[in-house]
Protein backbone atom coordinates (compact mmCIF):
# COMPACT_ATOMS: atom_id res chain seq x y z
CA MET A 1 104.39 84.80 86.20
CA SER A 2 103.86 87.37 83.49
CA SER A 3 103.47 86.06 80.00
CA PRO A 4 106.87 86.08 78.23
CA ASP A 5 105.49 87.71 75.09
CA ARG A 6 103.82 90.60 76.89
CA LYS A 7 105.42 93.97 76.27
CA VAL A 8 106.14 95.65 79.61
CA ASP A 9 106.32 99.38 79.90
CA PRO A 10 109.33 100.20 82.14
CA ARG A 11 107.20 102.89 83.80
CA ASP A 12 104.42 100.40 84.57
CA PRO A 13 104.32 99.38 88.26
CA GLN A 14 103.24 95.91 87.11
CA ARG A 15 106.81 95.11 86.09
CA HIS A 16 107.89 94.86 89.74
CA HIS A 17 105.26 92.33 90.75
CA THR A 18 103.79 88.99 89.83
CA ILE A 19 100.58 89.40 87.82
CA ILE A 20 98.42 86.27 87.71
CA ASP A 21 97.98 85.26 84.08
CA ASP A 22 95.36 83.07 82.51
CA ASP A 23 97.21 79.79 83.05
CA GLU A 24 97.66 80.62 86.70
CA PHE A 25 94.06 81.70 86.88
CA GLY A 26 93.16 78.07 86.33
CA ASP A 27 91.49 78.19 82.94
CA ALA A 28 92.67 77.19 79.50
CA GLY A 29 93.68 80.03 77.23
CA SER A 30 96.16 82.83 76.97
CA ASP A 31 96.78 86.15 78.66
CA ALA A 32 95.26 87.88 75.62
CA LEU A 33 91.83 86.79 76.79
CA PHE A 34 91.81 89.53 79.40
CA HIS A 35 93.22 92.42 77.39
CA THR A 36 92.02 94.58 74.56
CA THR A 37 93.59 96.84 71.97
CA GLU A 38 94.80 100.31 72.86
CA SER A 39 91.88 101.81 70.91
CA ARG A 40 89.50 100.43 73.57
CA ARG A 41 91.52 101.70 76.53
CA ASN A 42 89.44 104.80 77.15
CA ILE A 43 89.65 104.99 80.95
CA GLY A 44 92.39 107.09 82.54
CA VAL A 45 92.79 108.16 86.16
CA THR A 46 90.20 110.92 85.95
CA SER A 47 87.58 108.74 84.29
CA ALA A 48 88.29 105.96 86.79
CA ILE A 49 87.79 108.32 89.73
CA PHE A 50 84.51 109.57 88.28
CA LEU A 51 83.46 106.01 87.45
CA ILE A 52 83.77 105.21 91.16
CA LEU A 53 82.44 108.57 92.34
CA ASN A 54 79.39 108.44 90.07
CA ARG A 55 78.54 104.98 91.39
CA MET A 56 78.99 105.97 95.03
CA VAL A 57 77.38 109.39 94.94
CA GLY A 58 73.96 108.62 93.55
CA THR A 59 71.02 109.66 95.68
CA GLY A 60 72.07 107.93 98.89
CA ILE A 61 73.49 111.02 100.56
CA PHE A 62 70.42 113.03 99.50
CA ALA A 63 67.70 110.41 100.04
CA THR A 64 68.76 108.24 102.99
CA PRO A 65 69.85 110.57 105.87
CA SER A 66 66.24 111.11 106.93
CA GLY A 67 65.61 107.37 107.16
CA ILE A 68 68.88 106.81 109.00
CA PHE A 69 67.98 109.53 111.52
CA LYS A 70 64.56 107.94 112.04
CA LEU A 71 66.15 104.53 112.64
CA THR A 72 68.83 105.80 115.05
CA GLY A 73 66.87 108.54 116.79
CA SER A 74 69.69 111.05 117.16
CA ALA A 75 72.21 113.12 115.22
CA GLY A 76 75.10 111.73 117.29
CA LEU A 77 74.43 108.08 116.54
CA SER A 78 73.67 108.88 112.90
CA LEU A 79 77.07 110.59 112.43
CA PHE A 80 78.84 107.76 114.25
CA LEU A 81 77.27 105.18 111.91
CA TRP A 82 78.28 107.26 108.86
CA LEU A 83 81.85 107.05 110.16
CA VAL A 84 81.50 103.27 110.54
CA GLY A 85 80.19 103.08 106.98
CA THR A 86 83.19 105.08 105.74
CA LEU A 87 85.60 102.68 107.44
CA ILE A 88 83.82 99.66 105.95
CA ALA A 89 83.97 101.24 102.49
CA ALA A 90 87.67 102.05 102.93
CA ALA A 91 88.40 98.47 103.98
CA GLY A 92 86.39 97.16 101.02
CA MET A 93 88.26 99.46 98.65
CA ALA A 94 91.59 98.13 99.97
CA VAL A 95 90.50 94.50 99.52
CA PHE A 96 89.27 95.10 95.98
CA LEU A 97 92.37 97.18 95.22
CA GLU A 98 94.55 94.16 96.06
CA PHE A 99 92.52 91.80 93.92
CA GLY A 100 92.16 94.33 91.10
CA THR A 101 95.89 95.08 90.80
CA ALA A 102 96.72 91.35 90.83
CA LEU A 103 93.99 90.40 88.33
CA PRO A 104 93.65 93.50 86.12
CA ARG A 105 90.76 92.48 83.87
CA ASN A 106 87.07 93.20 83.39
CA GLY A 107 84.65 91.38 85.67
CA GLY A 108 85.35 92.52 89.23
CA GLU A 109 84.58 90.15 92.06
CA LYS A 110 83.59 87.36 89.68
CA ASN A 111 87.26 86.97 88.75
CA TYR A 112 88.39 87.04 92.36
CA LEU A 113 85.91 84.45 93.56
CA GLU A 114 86.74 82.13 90.65
CA PHE A 115 90.43 82.49 91.33
CA VAL A 116 90.13 81.41 94.96
CA TYR A 117 87.15 79.04 95.00
CA ARG A 118 88.08 76.45 92.36
CA LYS A 119 86.18 73.44 93.67
CA PRO A 120 83.58 72.28 92.74
CA LYS A 121 84.50 73.36 89.24
CA PHE A 122 82.43 76.23 87.87
CA LEU A 123 80.19 76.37 91.01
CA VAL A 124 81.19 79.93 91.90
CA THR A 125 80.58 80.96 88.28
CA GLY A 126 77.08 79.48 88.35
CA LEU A 127 76.16 81.14 91.66
CA TYR A 128 77.55 84.48 90.55
CA THR A 129 75.67 84.24 87.28
CA GLY A 130 72.34 84.21 89.14
CA TYR A 131 73.46 87.23 91.16
CA ALA A 132 74.67 89.21 88.15
CA ILE A 133 71.79 88.41 85.82
CA LEU A 134 68.80 88.73 88.18
CA LEU A 135 69.60 91.93 90.06
CA GLY A 136 68.61 95.31 88.56
CA TRP A 137 70.99 97.69 90.30
CA ALA A 138 70.00 100.72 88.25
CA GLY A 139 66.34 100.59 89.27
CA SER A 140 66.50 102.35 92.64
CA ASN A 141 68.07 105.61 91.50
CA SER A 142 65.78 105.67 88.49
CA VAL A 143 62.87 105.73 90.96
CA VAL A 144 64.46 108.59 92.90
CA PHE A 145 65.17 110.47 89.68
CA GLY A 146 61.44 110.35 88.93
CA GLU A 147 60.47 111.46 92.42
CA TYR A 148 62.80 114.48 92.45
CA ILE A 149 61.91 115.59 88.92
CA LEU A 150 58.20 115.51 89.74
CA HIS A 151 58.84 117.34 93.02
CA ALA A 152 60.72 120.06 91.13
CA ALA A 153 57.84 120.38 88.63
CA ASP A 154 55.25 120.67 91.42
CA VAL A 155 53.50 117.53 90.18
CA GLU A 156 51.90 115.22 92.69
CA VAL A 157 54.02 112.08 92.95
CA THR A 158 52.12 108.86 92.35
CA ARG A 159 53.24 105.28 91.91
CA TRP A 160 53.05 105.32 88.13
CA ASN A 161 54.16 108.82 87.18
CA MET A 162 57.26 108.45 89.36
CA ARG A 163 58.12 105.12 87.76
CA GLY A 164 57.26 106.43 84.29
CA VAL A 165 59.86 109.19 84.61
CA GLY A 166 62.26 106.63 86.08
CA LEU A 167 61.71 104.45 83.03
CA ALA A 168 62.66 107.33 80.75
CA CYS A 169 65.79 107.88 82.86
CA ILE A 170 67.09 104.31 82.64
CA THR A 171 66.12 103.99 78.96
CA SER A 172 68.18 107.00 77.96
CA ALA A 173 71.13 105.75 80.04
CA PHE A 174 70.99 102.40 78.24
CA LEU A 175 70.84 104.03 74.80
CA ILE A 176 73.78 106.35 75.50
CA HIS A 177 76.10 103.57 76.73
CA ALA A 178 74.99 101.16 74.00
CA THR A 179 75.65 103.55 71.15
CA ALA A 180 78.34 106.05 72.25
CA VAL A 181 80.79 104.79 74.93
CA LYS A 182 83.10 107.80 74.89
CA TRP A 183 80.23 110.27 75.10
CA GLY A 184 78.71 108.25 77.91
CA LEU A 185 81.97 108.49 79.86
CA ARG A 186 82.16 112.23 79.18
CA LEU A 187 78.60 112.69 80.44
CA GLN A 188 79.43 110.65 83.55
CA ASN A 189 82.45 112.87 84.22
CA LEU A 190 80.34 116.00 83.79
CA LEU A 191 77.61 114.76 86.14
CA GLY A 192 80.28 113.63 88.60
CA SER A 193 81.62 117.19 88.66
CA ILE A 194 78.08 118.49 89.27
CA LYS A 195 77.71 116.07 92.21
CA ILE A 196 80.89 117.37 93.82
CA PHE A 197 79.69 120.93 93.33
CA ILE A 198 76.29 120.11 94.90
CA LEU A 199 77.86 118.47 97.95
CA LEU A 200 80.33 121.33 98.41
CA PHE A 201 77.49 123.81 98.11
CA ILE A 202 75.47 121.92 100.74
CA ILE A 203 78.49 121.83 103.05
CA CYS A 204 79.19 125.57 102.71
CA SER A 205 75.49 126.30 103.22
CA GLY A 206 75.59 124.13 106.35
CA PHE A 207 78.33 126.27 107.83
CA ALA A 208 76.18 129.32 107.10
CA ALA A 209 73.23 127.61 108.83
CA LEU A 210 75.39 126.93 111.89
CA GLY A 211 75.98 130.67 111.98
CA GLY A 212 72.23 131.31 112.07
CA HIS A 213 71.62 132.18 108.42
CA LEU A 214 68.27 130.44 107.90
CA LYS A 215 64.99 131.37 106.17
CA ILE A 216 62.70 129.52 108.53
CA PRO A 217 59.54 131.58 109.21
CA GLU A 218 59.19 133.18 112.62
CA GLY A 219 57.44 130.97 115.15
CA GLU A 220 58.49 127.70 113.54
CA PRO A 221 60.99 125.38 115.28
CA ARG A 222 64.67 126.04 114.79
CA PRO A 223 67.22 123.23 114.41
CA LYS A 224 68.70 122.11 117.76
CA ASN A 225 70.15 118.77 116.71
CA PHE A 226 73.55 119.47 118.26
CA THR A 227 72.28 120.76 121.61
CA ASN A 228 72.28 117.20 122.94
CA ALA A 229 73.53 115.18 119.99
CA PHE A 230 72.56 111.76 121.40
CA ALA A 231 69.14 112.72 122.77
CA GLY A 232 66.44 110.37 121.46
CA THR A 233 68.87 107.57 120.55
CA THR A 234 67.05 104.27 120.05
CA GLY A 235 68.38 101.00 121.44
CA SER A 236 66.99 98.91 118.61
CA ALA A 237 69.46 96.48 117.03
CA TYR A 238 67.15 96.26 114.03
CA GLY A 239 67.22 100.06 113.65
CA VAL A 240 71.00 100.19 113.78
CA ILE A 241 71.35 97.37 111.22
CA MET A 242 68.92 98.94 108.77
CA ALA A 243 70.64 102.30 109.24
CA ILE A 244 74.01 100.76 108.39
CA TYR A 245 72.41 99.16 105.32
CA ASN A 246 71.25 102.57 104.15
CA ILE A 247 74.76 103.95 104.71
CA ILE A 248 76.42 101.02 102.95
CA TRP A 249 74.04 101.63 100.04
CA SER A 250 75.36 105.20 99.87
CA PHE A 251 78.94 103.88 99.64
CA ILE A 252 78.32 101.06 97.15
CA GLY A 253 80.58 101.60 94.18
CA TYR A 254 84.09 101.72 95.64
CA SER A 255 84.86 98.68 93.45
CA ASN A 256 83.13 100.04 90.33
CA ALA A 257 86.35 100.61 88.39
CA ASN A 258 87.33 96.95 88.90
CA TYR A 259 84.64 95.94 86.40
CA ALA A 260 86.38 97.77 83.54
CA MET A 261 90.09 97.26 84.18
CA SER A 262 90.73 95.80 80.73
CA GLU A 263 89.68 99.19 79.33
CA MET A 264 92.04 101.20 81.58
CA LYS A 265 95.22 102.89 80.54
CA ASN A 266 97.96 101.42 82.77
CA PRO A 267 95.36 99.65 84.95
CA VAL A 268 97.47 98.98 88.08
CA ARG A 269 98.63 102.56 88.47
CA THR A 270 95.19 103.92 87.56
CA LEU A 271 93.36 101.83 90.18
CA LYS A 272 95.95 102.58 92.88
CA ILE A 273 95.28 106.29 92.46
CA ALA A 274 91.56 106.27 91.64
CA GLY A 275 90.31 103.89 94.37
CA PRO A 276 91.72 105.59 97.51
CA SER A 277 91.17 109.10 96.10
CA ALA A 278 87.47 108.52 95.39
CA VAL A 279 86.68 106.80 98.72
CA PHE A 280 88.51 109.43 100.80
CA LEU A 281 86.80 112.29 98.95
CA VAL A 282 83.32 110.77 99.22
CA GLY A 283 83.76 109.85 102.92
CA VAL A 284 84.70 113.41 103.90
CA LEU A 285 81.92 114.95 101.80
CA TYR A 286 79.28 112.60 103.24
CA MET A 287 80.19 113.40 106.85
CA LEU A 288 80.18 117.17 106.25
CA ALA A 289 76.91 117.00 104.29
CA ASN A 290 75.19 115.23 107.19
CA ILE A 291 76.45 117.88 109.60
CA ALA A 292 74.98 120.50 107.24
CA TYR A 293 71.56 118.76 107.23
CA PHE A 294 71.45 118.68 111.02
CA ALA A 295 72.47 122.35 111.16
CA ALA A 296 69.62 123.56 108.93
CA VAL A 297 66.66 121.18 109.39
CA PRO A 298 64.78 120.72 112.70
CA ARG A 299 64.31 117.22 114.10
CA GLU A 300 60.64 116.81 113.15
CA GLU A 301 61.23 118.01 109.60
CA ILE A 302 64.05 115.51 109.16
CA LEU A 303 61.82 112.69 110.39
CA ASN A 304 59.03 113.67 107.98
CA SER A 305 61.06 114.68 104.92
CA GLY A 306 61.53 111.14 103.56
CA ARG A 307 63.74 111.05 100.46
CA ILE A 308 63.60 114.80 99.79
CA LEU A 309 65.67 115.94 102.79
CA ALA A 310 68.16 117.76 100.55
CA ALA A 311 65.34 119.80 99.03
CA THR A 312 63.99 120.64 102.50
CA PHE A 313 67.49 121.72 103.51
CA PHE A 314 67.70 124.23 100.65
CA ARG A 315 64.21 125.56 101.40
CA ASN A 316 65.26 126.32 104.99
CA VAL A 317 68.50 128.00 103.93
CA TYR A 318 67.55 129.78 100.69
CA GLY A 319 63.74 129.71 100.39
CA ALA A 320 61.10 127.82 98.41
CA LYS A 321 62.52 128.50 94.92
CA ALA A 322 65.87 127.01 95.92
CA GLU A 323 64.07 123.85 97.01
CA LYS A 324 62.93 123.20 93.44
CA ALA A 325 66.37 123.94 91.99
CA MET A 326 67.93 121.50 94.43
CA SER A 327 65.47 118.82 93.38
CA VAL A 328 66.73 119.15 89.79
CA PHE A 329 70.35 118.85 90.91
CA VAL A 330 69.63 115.72 92.96
CA ALA A 331 67.81 114.24 89.97
CA LEU A 332 70.94 114.88 87.85
CA SER A 333 72.99 113.14 90.53
CA ALA A 334 70.68 110.14 90.36
CA TYR A 335 71.00 110.09 86.58
CA GLY A 336 74.79 110.07 86.84
CA ASN A 337 74.55 107.08 89.15
CA VAL A 338 72.24 105.22 86.75
CA LEU A 339 74.73 105.84 83.93
CA SER A 340 77.60 104.52 86.05
CA VAL A 341 75.72 101.43 87.25
CA ILE A 342 74.44 100.31 83.86
CA PHE A 343 77.94 100.88 82.41
CA SER A 344 79.56 98.45 84.84
CA GLN A 345 76.76 95.87 85.12
CA GLY A 346 76.49 95.54 81.36
CA ARG A 347 80.16 94.59 81.28
CA ILE A 348 79.64 91.90 83.88
CA VAL A 349 77.01 90.30 81.64
CA GLN A 350 79.39 90.65 78.70
CA GLU A 351 82.13 88.91 80.69
CA LEU A 352 79.80 86.01 81.43
CA GLY A 353 79.10 85.78 77.71
CA ARG A 354 82.76 85.95 76.77
CA GLU A 355 83.47 83.05 79.11
CA GLY A 356 80.71 80.96 77.57
CA ILE A 357 78.67 80.72 80.76
CA LEU A 358 75.44 82.08 79.27
CA PRO A 359 73.36 80.55 76.50
CA PHE A 360 74.00 82.33 73.19
CA SER A 361 77.33 83.47 74.61
CA LYS A 362 78.47 84.89 71.28
CA LEU A 363 75.63 87.41 71.45
CA TRP A 364 76.50 88.56 74.98
CA ALA A 365 80.22 88.72 74.22
CA SER A 366 79.78 90.93 71.19
CA ASN A 367 80.64 94.65 70.97
CA LYS A 368 78.62 95.11 67.80
CA PRO A 369 77.36 97.33 66.30
CA PHE A 370 78.67 100.38 68.22
CA ASN A 371 81.80 98.95 69.90
CA ALA A 372 79.87 98.61 73.18
CA PRO A 373 78.36 95.63 75.09
CA ALA A 374 74.84 96.48 73.94
CA ALA A 375 73.42 93.01 74.68
CA GLY A 376 74.77 92.99 78.24
CA LEU A 377 73.49 96.52 78.81
CA PHE A 378 70.08 95.54 77.48
CA GLU A 379 69.82 92.51 79.81
CA HIS A 380 70.51 94.66 82.85
CA TYR A 381 68.11 97.32 81.56
CA ILE A 382 65.24 94.80 81.29
CA VAL A 383 65.83 93.34 84.78
CA ALA A 384 66.14 96.81 86.33
CA VAL A 385 62.86 97.91 84.73
CA ILE A 386 61.05 94.82 86.04
CA ILE A 387 62.39 95.31 89.58
CA MET A 388 61.55 99.01 89.42
CA LEU A 389 57.92 98.43 88.39
CA ALA A 390 57.07 95.31 90.41
CA PRO A 391 57.15 96.24 94.16
CA PRO A 392 54.02 97.66 95.82
CA PRO A 393 53.65 101.44 96.35
CA GLY A 394 55.80 102.79 99.16
CA ASP A 395 58.17 99.83 99.25
CA ALA A 396 59.89 100.07 95.86
CA TYR A 397 62.91 102.13 96.92
CA ASN A 398 63.63 100.33 100.21
CA PHE A 399 63.14 96.90 98.65
CA ILE A 400 65.50 97.60 95.75
CA LEU A 401 68.05 99.21 98.11
CA ASN A 402 68.10 96.20 100.47
CA LEU A 403 67.97 93.68 97.64
CA ILE A 404 71.21 95.21 96.37
CA ALA A 405 72.98 95.76 99.71
CA TYR A 406 72.25 92.33 101.22
CA PRO A 407 73.55 90.08 98.38
CA LEU A 408 76.54 92.39 98.02
CA SER A 409 77.33 91.74 101.70
CA VAL A 410 77.15 87.99 101.01
CA ILE A 411 79.54 88.38 98.06
CA ASN A 412 81.89 90.54 100.14
CA VAL A 413 82.07 87.89 102.90
CA PHE A 414 83.47 85.39 100.43
CA VAL A 415 85.77 87.94 98.76
CA ALA A 416 87.31 88.89 102.12
CA LEU A 417 87.47 85.25 103.24
CA GLY A 418 89.21 84.37 99.98
CA LEU A 419 91.84 87.04 100.51
CA LEU A 420 92.51 85.81 104.05
CA TYR A 421 92.90 82.29 102.65
CA LEU A 422 95.48 83.56 100.18
CA TYR A 423 97.40 85.14 103.09
CA TYR A 424 97.21 81.83 104.96
CA LEU A 425 98.63 79.90 101.99
CA GLN A 426 101.68 82.13 101.92
CA HIS A 427 102.68 80.59 105.25
CA HIS A 428 101.13 77.15 104.70
CA PRO A 429 101.31 76.38 100.94
CA THR A 430 98.85 73.88 99.54
CA THR A 431 100.00 70.68 97.84
CA ASP A 432 96.78 70.35 95.83
CA PRO A 433 97.79 70.81 92.16
CA ALA A 434 94.46 72.48 91.35
CA LEU A 435 95.12 75.12 94.00
CA ALA A 436 98.87 75.50 93.42
CA PRO A 437 98.55 78.90 91.64
CA LEU A 438 97.19 80.35 94.88
CA ASN A 439 100.59 79.82 96.51
CA LYS A 440 102.08 82.38 94.09
CA TRP A 441 99.94 85.30 95.23
CA ASN A 442 102.14 88.40 95.01
CA PRO A 443 100.03 91.48 94.15
CA PRO A 444 101.29 95.05 93.62
CA PHE A 445 99.21 96.21 96.60
CA ARG A 446 98.32 94.51 99.91
CA ALA A 447 95.34 95.28 102.12
CA GLY A 448 96.74 93.24 105.03
CA TRP A 449 95.30 90.81 107.60
CA PHE A 450 93.68 93.47 109.78
CA VAL A 451 91.86 95.31 106.97
CA ALA A 452 90.68 92.10 105.30
CA GLY A 453 89.56 90.74 108.69
CA PHE A 454 87.64 93.91 109.53
CA PHE A 455 85.90 93.82 106.14
CA LEU A 456 85.00 90.16 106.65
CA LEU A 457 83.53 90.71 110.15
CA SER A 458 81.64 93.81 109.06
CA ASN A 459 79.94 91.97 106.24
CA LEU A 460 79.27 88.86 108.33
CA TYR A 461 77.40 91.14 110.73
CA LEU A 462 75.43 92.63 107.84
CA VAL A 463 74.53 89.15 106.57
CA ILE A 464 73.36 87.72 109.91
CA ALA A 465 71.76 90.70 111.68
CA PRO A 466 68.81 91.36 109.30
CA TYR A 467 67.13 88.24 110.62
CA ILE A 468 66.59 90.02 113.93
CA PRO A 469 62.93 91.11 113.88
CA PRO A 470 61.98 94.77 114.39
CA PRO A 471 60.65 95.57 117.89
CA THR A 472 57.22 96.56 116.54
CA ALA A 473 55.44 96.45 113.19
CA ASP A 474 55.86 100.24 112.94
CA ASP A 475 59.64 99.82 112.96
CA ASN A 476 59.58 97.66 109.81
CA VAL A 477 61.23 99.50 106.93
CA TYR A 478 58.56 98.12 104.61
CA ALA A 479 54.96 99.29 104.55
CA SER A 480 53.44 96.04 103.31
CA LEU A 481 56.30 93.52 102.98
CA PRO A 482 57.81 91.26 105.66
CA TYR A 483 61.08 92.55 107.15
CA TRP A 484 63.04 89.52 105.90
CA ILE A 485 61.85 89.61 102.28
CA HIS A 486 65.12 90.87 100.80
CA CYS A 487 67.10 88.12 102.56
CA VAL A 488 64.84 85.36 101.20
CA VAL A 489 64.86 86.79 97.68
CA THR A 490 68.66 87.01 97.84
CA TRP A 491 69.09 83.32 98.66
CA GLY A 492 66.53 82.52 95.98
CA ILE A 493 68.66 84.39 93.42
CA PHE A 494 71.79 82.50 94.45
CA GLY A 495 69.71 79.31 94.38
CA VAL A 496 68.75 79.94 90.77
CA GLY A 497 72.45 80.22 89.95
CA GLY A 498 73.11 76.95 91.80
CA VAL A 499 70.35 75.15 89.90
CA TYR A 500 71.75 76.46 86.61
CA TRP A 501 75.20 75.13 87.57
CA VAL A 502 73.77 71.69 88.40
CA PHE A 503 72.08 71.38 85.00
CA TRP A 504 74.76 73.06 82.89
CA ALA A 505 77.94 71.68 84.49
CA LYS A 506 76.73 68.36 86.00
CA LEU A 507 73.50 66.80 84.79
CA LEU A 508 73.68 67.64 81.09
CA PRO A 509 77.33 66.46 80.75
CA TRP A 510 76.47 63.26 82.64
CA TRP A 511 73.40 62.67 80.50
CA GLY A 512 75.21 63.39 77.26
CA GLY A 513 78.38 61.52 78.10
CA TYR A 514 80.70 64.49 77.73
CA ARG A 515 82.76 66.86 79.83
CA LEU A 516 83.02 70.64 79.53
CA GLU A 517 86.31 72.16 78.50
CA LYS A 518 86.96 75.81 78.01
CA HIS A 519 88.75 76.95 74.86
CA VAL A 520 89.74 80.40 73.67
CA GLU A 521 88.74 81.56 70.24
CA GLN A 522 89.57 84.71 68.31
CA GLU A 523 87.15 85.79 65.62
CA ASP A 524 88.00 88.03 62.69
CA GLY A 525 87.04 91.63 63.32
CA VAL A 526 86.57 91.12 67.07
CA GLU A 527 89.09 92.88 69.31
CA TRP A 528 88.59 90.63 72.34
CA PRO A 529 88.98 86.85 72.26
CA ARG A 530 86.28 84.91 74.09
CA ASN A 531 85.96 81.61 75.86
CA ARG A 532 83.91 78.87 74.34
CA PHE A 533 82.83 75.73 76.18
CA ILE A 534 83.51 72.62 74.11
CA LYS A 535 81.68 69.35 74.74
CA VAL A 536 84.37 66.69 74.75
CA LYS A 537 83.09 63.11 74.56
CA ASN A 538 84.17 60.88 77.43
CA THR A 539 86.37 57.95 76.45
């Protein structure tokens, strides 16, 4: 039940529902652990929508349609898979909306997994720590930012100049969010508006292209992708799976606002409005943008355009000068995505610090010196830079993309399974005292059995299917890496988290003759309390 000393706004939808507090969450402490002062509640409905939109609309819709078309072989199957991706994203948004409105605090899926999977104690936290610390989400769009900027400047793209510009991109994003949170949010909102404008402009231009308004030189092929929309469709299961991964990558971010709910104004209402609005808007824009591409770019050009399909589109509709201008706009879109990603991932690291999971947790939990999680942002920045620079030429983008999409599918399987388990307990309550709080699940929003089940099956498919080998070596999405590399690296990352849990929560306490207990402490001058693990001697 809600904490008795919490002030409830009569206009707040939370007052009608049970909100799971800290004691029901299964940890020692108070409800204050998950809330901050009003001065830090900077995120309203508009900022929340753009926080989601900026994360979703990065470069996926500009950089992946060519690869998806190559994997599927036809415009018809490509559009169908984009619809499937939209439905998966909508189901995921509904699942995360239910969890987010019931547990309105920073941290996202980490909170939801810990709430459901309580045994063995702290295991989920250890596994998630490996996932959160070792993945550099912001790296991929930093690479694309570099590629598009160099393309706009008519500079030959090489491995190192592309990554050098990408390094400048991610460095500036880190510095902005580490030193000026409000200005970072304003910049994200501005770039989010630019993204919407770009997509709307592409869509309107696509309608013009359907009417025959193209600047393709005489004698060159004209687009005929809708003459027989399914002509050339491949029957490769591997191709379909990798195409869906590319589409899922384009939709990643529907849960982005869940990572910063403690900083929202009226978080339940804000998330209820922002989540569905952003996913619906992005889904419609993506579908219409793909139709525009197929209307203006011939089949062979799509297959050969790689990650600069949007620039090729503008060249065919408006001429060569427009191609360069579009490259700049796509680069700005990528930059907005990098800003959004590093904003949310830095807060996940901070949350791990606040809960005392990481060594030197006081450092990670701090908001000093600029009232921002600078240490958490810096950790993600370093990992993203390493992942951005390490892969071999030609494989960097695809490797980073798949290394983000695959572990996210694994996480989503357990999030959806956990929600279904909560539904089950409503009809068959558990008698286990450690799991008793799960019987009280009563969120302000419900996704429902069907939506949660669809999300579970979709992600199970995405977890299992990548082990199917490509028909030929030429069908491998990697130029010089094995097709399964992102799967193996994913399990290695979770394995590192498991090893950390064994040492931190099992072996060291056994060796030292103590047990771990979690206490809440409030320091002078710090707006958020934090958890601290205390070593209690066994008696």
